[in-house]
PDB file of N, CA and C in Angstrom:
ATOM      1  N   MET A   1       2.297  -1.174 -26.191  1.00  0.00           N
ATOM      2  CA  MET A   1       1.817  -1.335 -24.832  1.00  0.00           C
ATOM      3  C   MET A   1       1.378  -2.782 -24.672  1.00  0.00           C
ATOM      4  N   LYS A   2       1.702  -3.343 -23.517  1.00  0.00           N
ATOM      5  CA  LYS A   2       1.304  -4.710 -23.190  1.00  0.00           C
ATOM      6  C   LYS A   2       0.577  -4.686 -21.850  1.00  0.00           C
ATOM      7  N   ILE A   3      -0.465  -5.475 -21.757  1.00  0.00           N
ATOM      8  CA  ILE A   3      -1.153  -5.660 -20.482  1.00  0.00           C
ATOM      9  C   ILE A   3      -1.068  -7.137 -20.140  1.00  0.00           C
ATOM     10  N   ARG A   4      -0.533  -7.414 -18.970  1.00  0.00           N
ATOM     11  CA  ARG A   4      -0.419  -8.798 -18.497  1.00  0.00           C
ATOM     12  C   ARG A   4      -1.207  -8.925 -17.207  1.00  0.00           C
ATOM     13  N   TYR A   5      -1.951 -10.016 -17.093  1.00  0.00           N
ATOM     14  CA  TYR A   5      -2.732 -10.259 -15.882  1.00  0.00           C
ATOM     15  C   TYR A   5      -2.298 -11.584 -15.279  1.00  0.00           C
ATOM     16  N   PHE A   6      -1.972 -11.550 -13.990  1.00  0.00           N
ATOM     17  CA  PHE A   6      -1.536 -12.736 -13.261  1.00  0.00           C
ATOM     18  C   PHE A   6      -2.660 -13.142 -12.314  1.00  0.00           C
ATOM     19  N   ALA A   7      -3.425 -14.146 -12.711  1.00  0.00           N
ATOM     20  CA  ALA A   7      -4.616 -14.553 -11.957  1.00  0.00           C
ATOM     21  C   ALA A   7      -4.268 -15.049 -10.556  1.00  0.00           C
ATOM     22  N   ASP A   8      -3.121 -15.713 -10.412  1.00  0.00           N
ATOM     23  CA  ASP A   8      -2.768 -16.275  -9.101  1.00  0.00           C
ATOM     24  C   ASP A   8      -2.566 -15.199  -8.039  1.00  0.00           C
ATOM     25  N   THR A   9      -2.185 -13.978  -8.447  1.00  0.00           N
ATOM     26  CA  THR A   9      -1.987 -12.890  -7.482  1.00  0.00           C
ATOM     27  C   THR A   9      -2.960 -11.730  -7.715  1.00  0.00           C
ATOM     28  N   ASP A  10      -3.848 -11.868  -8.711  1.00  0.00           N
ATOM     29  CA  ASP A  10      -4.797 -10.814  -9.093  1.00  0.00           C
ATOM     30  C   ASP A  10      -4.065  -9.491  -9.308  1.00  0.00           C
ATOM     31  N   THR A  11      -3.004  -9.562 -10.108  1.00  0.00           N
ATOM     32  CA  THR A  11      -2.157  -8.406 -10.377  1.00  0.00           C
ATOM     33  C   THR A  11      -2.117  -8.136 -11.877  1.00  0.00           C
ATOM     34  N   ALA A  12      -2.245  -6.866 -12.245  1.00  0.00           N
ATOM     35  CA  ALA A  12      -2.121  -6.458 -13.646  1.00  0.00           C
ATOM     36  C   ALA A  12      -0.841  -5.657 -13.806  1.00  0.00           C
ATOM     37  N   LEU A  13      -0.136  -5.912 -14.888  1.00  0.00           N
ATOM     38  CA  LEU A  13       1.074  -5.177 -15.225  1.00  0.00           C
ATOM     39  C   LEU A  13       0.857  -4.559 -16.594  1.00  0.00           C
ATOM     40  N   ILE A  14       0.913  -3.241 -16.660  1.00  0.00           N
ATOM     41  CA  ILE A  14       0.741  -2.521 -17.916  1.00  0.00           C
ATOM     42  C   ILE A  14       2.086  -1.927 -18.286  1.00  0.00           C
ATOM     43  N   GLU A  15       2.635  -2.366 -19.408  1.00  0.00           N
ATOM     44  CA  GLU A  15       3.953  -1.919 -19.851  1.00  0.00           C
ATOM     45  C   GLU A  15       3.787  -0.924 -20.991  1.00  0.00           C
ATOM     46  N   PHE A  16       4.381   0.257 -20.831  1.00  0.00           N
ATOM     47  CA  PHE A  16       4.284   1.309 -21.822  1.00  0.00           C
ATOM     48  C   PHE A  16       5.524   1.416 -22.697  1.00  0.00           C
ATOM     49  N   SER A  17       6.665   0.974 -22.181  1.00  0.00           N
ATOM     50  CA  SER A  17       7.904   1.002 -22.962  1.00  0.00           C
ATOM     51  C   SER A  17       8.839  -0.097 -22.462  1.00  0.00           C
ATOM     52  N   ASN A  18       9.935  -0.262 -23.184  1.00  0.00           N
ATOM     53  CA  ASN A  18      10.936  -1.268 -22.809  1.00  0.00           C
ATOM     54  C   ASN A  18      12.151  -0.643 -22.138  1.00  0.00           C
ATOM     55  N   GLU A  19      12.047   0.617 -21.754  1.00  0.00           N
ATOM     56  CA  GLU A  19      13.163   1.302 -21.105  1.00  0.00           C
ATOM     57  C   GLU A  19      13.482   0.650 -19.753  1.00  0.00           C
ATOM     58  N   SER A  20      14.707   0.801 -19.317  1.00  0.00           N
ATOM     59  CA  SER A  20      15.117   0.283 -18.014  1.00  0.00           C
ATOM     60  C   SER A  20      14.456   1.093 -16.904  1.00  0.00           C
ATOM     61  N   ILE A  21      14.059   0.400 -15.861  1.00  0.00           N
ATOM     62  CA  ILE A  21      13.398   1.054 -14.726  1.00  0.00           C
ATOM     63  C   ILE A  21      14.448   1.569 -13.762  1.00  0.00           C
ATOM     64  N   LEU A  22      14.360   2.852 -13.441  1.00  0.00           N
ATOM     65  CA  LEU A  22      15.266   3.459 -12.478  1.00  0.00           C
ATOM     66  C   LEU A  22      14.627   3.538 -11.102  1.00  0.00           C
ATOM     67  N   GLU A  23      13.317   3.782 -11.064  1.00  0.00           N
ATOM     68  CA  GLU A  23      12.650   4.029  -9.790  1.00  0.00           C
ATOM     69  C   GLU A  23      11.214   3.516  -9.837  1.00  0.00           C
ATOM     70  N   THR A  24      10.751   2.958  -8.724  1.00  0.00           N
ATOM     71  CA  THR A  24       9.359   2.553  -8.559  1.00  0.00           C
ATOM     72  C   THR A  24       8.753   3.423  -7.483  1.00  0.00           C
ATOM     73  N   LYS A  25       7.588   3.994  -7.781  1.00  0.00           N
ATOM     74  CA  LYS A  25       6.888   4.842  -6.814  1.00  0.00           C
ATOM     75  C   LYS A  25       5.555   4.217  -6.442  1.00  0.00           C
ATOM     76  N   GLU A  26       5.270   4.214  -5.147  1.00  0.00           N
ATOM     77  CA  GLU A  26       3.973   3.747  -4.668  1.00  0.00           C
ATOM     78  C   GLU A  26       3.003   4.922  -4.737  1.00  0.00           C
ATOM     79  N   ILE A  27       1.979   4.779  -5.546  1.00  0.00           N
ATOM     80  CA  ILE A  27       0.974   5.822  -5.702  1.00  0.00           C
ATOM     81  C   ILE A  27      -0.127   5.653  -4.663  1.00  0.00           C
ATOM     82  N   SER A  28      -0.512   4.410  -4.432  1.00  0.00           N
ATOM     83  CA  SER A  28      -1.481   4.081  -3.393  1.00  0.00           C
ATOM     84  C   SER A  28      -1.168   2.663  -2.917  1.00  0.00           C
ATOM     85  N   GLU A  29      -2.000   2.159  -2.044  1.00  0.00           N
ATOM     86  CA  GLU A  29      -1.763   0.833  -1.457  1.00  0.00           C
ATOM     87  C   GLU A  29      -1.657  -0.270  -2.506  1.00  0.00           C
ATOM     88  N   SER A  30      -2.318  -0.108  -3.646  1.00  0.00           N
ATOM     89  CA  SER A  30      -2.306  -1.165  -4.652  1.00  0.00           C
ATOM     90  C   SER A  30      -1.887  -0.693  -6.042  1.00  0.00           C
ATOM     91  N   LEU A  31      -1.285   0.490  -6.136  1.00  0.00           N
ATOM     92  CA  LEU A  31      -0.878   1.028  -7.430  1.00  0.00           C
ATOM     93  C   LEU A  31       0.570   1.514  -7.369  1.00  0.00           C
ATOM     94  N   TYR A  32       1.382   0.999  -8.288  1.00  0.00           N
ATOM     95  CA  TYR A  32       2.804   1.350  -8.352  1.00  0.00           C
ATOM     96  C   TYR A  32       3.146   1.739  -9.783  1.00  0.00           C
ATOM     97  N   ILE A  33       4.013   2.740  -9.933  1.00  0.00           N
ATOM     98  CA  ILE A  33       4.490   3.106 -11.261  1.00  0.00           C
ATOM     99  C   ILE A  33       6.002   2.981 -11.302  1.00  0.00           C
ATOM    100  N   ASP A  34       6.505   2.607 -12.468  1.00  0.00           N
ATOM    101  CA  ASP A  34       7.938   2.478 -12.700  1.00  0.00           C
ATOM    102  C   ASP A  34       8.355   3.565 -13.672  1.00  0.00           C
ATOM    103  N   LEU A  35       9.443   4.261 -13.339  1.00  0.00           N
ATOM    104  CA  LEU A  35       9.942   5.371 -14.146  1.00  0.00           C
ATOM    105  C   LEU A  35      11.339   5.079 -14.670  1.00  0.00           C
ATOM    106  N   ASP A  36      11.647   5.624 -15.857  1.00  0.00           N
ATOM    107  CA  ASP A  36      12.988   5.475 -16.393  1.00  0.00           C
ATOM    108  C   ASP A  36      13.874   6.612 -15.884  1.00  0.00           C
ATOM    109  N   ARG A  37      15.088   6.705 -16.382  1.00  0.00           N
ATOM    110  CA  ARG A  37      16.041   7.704 -15.870  1.00  0.00           C
ATOM    111  C   ARG A  37      15.630   9.139 -16.183  1.00  0.00           C
ATOM    112  N   LYS A  38      14.744   9.322 -17.167  1.00  0.00           N
ATOM    113  CA  LYS A  38      14.261  10.662 -17.507  1.00  0.00           C
ATOM    114  C   LYS A  38      12.955  11.007 -16.785  1.00  0.00           C
ATOM    115  N   GLY A  39      12.448  10.070 -15.979  1.00  0.00           N
ATOM    116  CA  GLY A  39      11.204  10.304 -15.270  1.00  0.00           C
ATOM    117  C   GLY A  39       9.970   9.924 -16.062  1.00  0.00           C
ATOM    118  N   ASN A  40      10.165   9.263 -17.209  1.00  0.00           N
ATOM    119  CA  ASN A  40       9.042   8.826 -18.037  1.00  0.00           C
ATOM    120  C   ASN A  40       8.454   7.521 -17.515  1.00  0.00           C
ATOM    121  N   LEU A  41       7.164   7.354 -17.692  1.00  0.00           N
ATOM    122  CA  LEU A  41       6.456   6.161 -17.248  1.00  0.00           C
ATOM    123  C   LEU A  41       6.854   4.959 -18.095  1.00  0.00           C
ATOM    124  N   VAL A  42       7.304   3.896 -17.434  1.00  0.00           N
ATOM    125  CA  VAL A  42       7.685   2.658 -18.104  1.00  0.00           C
ATOM    126  C   VAL A  42       6.576   1.627 -17.937  1.00  0.00           C
ATOM    127  N   SER A  43       6.083   1.470 -16.701  1.00  0.00           N
ATOM    128  CA  SER A  43       5.037   0.489 -16.450  1.00  0.00           C
ATOM    129  C   SER A  43       4.249   0.854 -15.196  1.00  0.00           C
ATOM    130  N   MET A  44       3.117   0.171 -15.055  1.00  0.00           N
ATOM    131  CA  MET A  44       2.237   0.391 -13.910  1.00  0.00           C
ATOM    132  C   MET A  44       1.776  -0.982 -13.414  1.00  0.00           C
ATOM    133  N   THR A  45       1.823  -1.182 -12.108  1.00  0.00           N
ATOM    134  CA  THR A  45       1.367  -2.421 -11.501  1.00  0.00           C
ATOM    135  C   THR A  45       0.139  -2.126 -10.658  1.00  0.00           C
ATOM    136  N   ILE A  46      -0.915  -2.927 -10.877  1.00  0.00           N
ATOM    137  CA  ILE A  46      -2.151  -2.777 -10.115  1.00  0.00           C
ATOM    138  C   ILE A  46      -2.401  -4.074  -9.371  1.00  0.00           C
ATOM    139  N   GLU A  47      -2.313  -4.029  -8.057  1.00  0.00           N
ATOM    140  CA  GLU A  47      -2.635  -5.185  -7.234  1.00  0.00           C
ATOM    141  C   GLU A  47      -4.137  -5.176  -6.959  1.00  0.00           C
ATOM    142  N   HIS A  48      -4.706  -6.353  -6.725  1.00  0.00           N
ATOM    143  CA  HIS A  48      -6.158  -6.497  -6.528  1.00  0.00           C
ATOM    144  C   HIS A  48      -6.886  -5.929  -7.755  1.00  0.00           C
ATOM    145  N   ALA A  49      -6.404  -6.297  -8.939  1.00  0.00           N
ATOM    146  CA  ALA A  49      -6.838  -5.693 -10.195  1.00  0.00           C
ATOM    147  C   ALA A  49      -8.314  -5.888 -10.499  1.00  0.00           C
ATOM    148  N   LYS A  50      -8.891  -7.021 -10.150  1.00  0.00           N
ATOM    149  CA  LYS A  50     -10.318  -7.224 -10.421  1.00  0.00           C
ATOM    150  C   LYS A  50     -11.158  -6.216  -9.655  1.00  0.00           C
ATOM    151  N   GLU A  51     -10.801  -5.978  -8.410  1.00  0.00           N
ATOM    152  CA  GLU A  51     -11.551  -5.057  -7.559  1.00  0.00           C
ATOM    153  C   GLU A  51     -11.228  -3.596  -7.880  1.00  0.00           C
ATOM    154  N   LYS A  52      -9.958  -3.277  -8.033  1.00  0.00           N
ATOM    155  CA  LYS A  52      -9.527  -1.882  -8.164  1.00  0.00           C
ATOM    156  C   LYS A  52      -9.618  -1.335  -9.583  1.00  0.00           C
ATOM    157  N   ALA A  53      -9.474  -2.206 -10.598  1.00  0.00           N
ATOM    158  CA  ALA A  53      -9.377  -1.703 -11.968  1.00  0.00           C
ATOM    159  C   ALA A  53     -10.328  -2.387 -12.951  1.00  0.00           C
ATOM    160  N   ASN A  54     -11.233  -3.214 -12.454  1.00  0.00           N
ATOM    161  CA  ASN A  54     -12.180  -3.917 -13.321  1.00  0.00           C
ATOM    162  C   ASN A  54     -11.451  -4.583 -14.490  1.00  0.00           C
ATOM    163  N   ILE A  55     -10.380  -5.285 -14.177  1.00  0.00           N
ATOM    164  CA  ILE A  55      -9.504  -5.873 -15.191  1.00  0.00           C
ATOM    165  C   ILE A  55     -10.213  -6.921 -16.039  1.00  0.00           C
ATOM    166  N   SER A  56     -11.333  -7.432 -15.594  1.00  0.00           N
ATOM    167  CA  SER A  56     -12.042  -8.440 -16.385  1.00  0.00           C
ATOM    168  C   SER A  56     -12.688  -7.828 -17.623  1.00  0.00           C
ATOM    169  N   GLU A  57     -12.728  -6.500 -17.700  1.00  0.00           N
ATOM    170  CA  GLU A  57     -13.322  -5.826 -18.858  1.00  0.00           C
ATOM    171  C   GLU A  57     -12.347  -4.783 -19.402  1.00  0.00           C
ATOM    172  N   VAL A  58     -11.428  -5.232 -20.247  1.00  0.00           N
ATOM    173  CA  VAL A  58     -10.432  -4.348 -20.834  1.00  0.00           C
ATOM    174  C   VAL A  58     -10.779  -4.145 -22.301  1.00  0.00           C
ATOM    175  N   SER A  59     -10.758  -2.904 -22.744  1.00  0.00           N
ATOM    176  CA  SER A  59     -10.994  -2.628 -24.159  1.00  0.00           C
ATOM    177  C   SER A  59     -10.061  -1.513 -24.609  1.00  0.00           C
ATOM    178  N   TYR A  60      -9.920  -1.396 -25.897  1.00  0.00           N
ATOM    179  CA  TYR A  60      -9.056  -0.368 -26.485  1.00  0.00           C
ATOM    180  C   TYR A  60      -9.861   0.337 -27.565  1.00  0.00           C
ATOM    181  N   LEU A  61      -9.874   1.651 -27.525  1.00  0.00           N
ATOM    182  CA  LEU A  61     -10.590   2.432 -28.520  1.00  0.00           C
ATOM    183  C   LEU A  61      -9.715   3.604 -28.923  1.00  0.00           C
ATOM    184  N   GLN A  62      -9.345   3.644 -30.197  1.00  0.00           N
ATOM    185  CA  GLN A  62      -8.545   4.761 -30.681  1.00  0.00           C
ATOM    186  C   GLN A  62      -9.485   5.819 -31.233  1.00  0.00           C
ATOM    187  N   MET A  63      -9.355   7.020 -30.717  1.00  0.00           N
ATOM    188  CA  MET A  63     -10.217   8.114 -31.134  1.00  0.00           C
ATOM    189  C   MET A  63      -9.592   8.812 -32.338  1.00  0.00           C
ATOM    190  N   GLU A  64     -10.417   9.154 -33.300  1.00  0.00           N
ATOM    191  CA  GLU A  64      -9.958   9.876 -34.476  1.00  0.00           C
ATOM    192  C   GLU A  64      -9.748  11.339 -34.134  1.00  0.00           C
ATOM    193  N   GLN A  65      -8.812  11.980 -34.794  1.00  0.00           N
ATOM    194  CA  GLN A  65      -8.535  13.386 -34.570  1.00  0.00           C
ATOM    195  C   GLN A  65      -9.668  14.213 -35.189  1.00  0.00           C
ATOM    196  N   ILE A  66     -10.167  15.148 -34.407  1.00  0.00           N
ATOM    197  CA  ILE A  66     -11.220  16.038 -34.882  1.00  0.00           C
ATOM    198  C   ILE A  66     -10.574  17.279 -35.472  1.00  0.00           C
ATOM    199  N   VAL A  67     -10.876  17.561 -36.703  1.00  0.00           N
ATOM    200  CA  VAL A  67     -10.328  18.746 -37.370  1.00  0.00           C
ATOM    201  C   VAL A  67     -11.383  19.834 -37.351  1.00  0.00           C
ATOM    202  N   ALA A  68     -11.019  20.996 -36.813  1.00  0.00           N
ATOM    203  CA  ALA A  68     -11.986  22.088 -36.724  1.00  0.00           C
ATOM    204  C   ALA A  68     -11.861  23.042 -37.880  1.00  0.00           C
TER     205      ALA A  68
END
């Protein structure tokens, strides 16, 4: 996964795979998702990222599997 932030347009691009994009869907006024030919998520674009997604504070935390 890659996260790219374009400061000049305040846009974040989150890439989940390298598959070819078949379709882009508008989820809301500032959120778009790109799907491959199987309908799987390829990437997500967030416009106005500082306001809508708090992009200035990005972190990653992998949770351990809990065994019961």
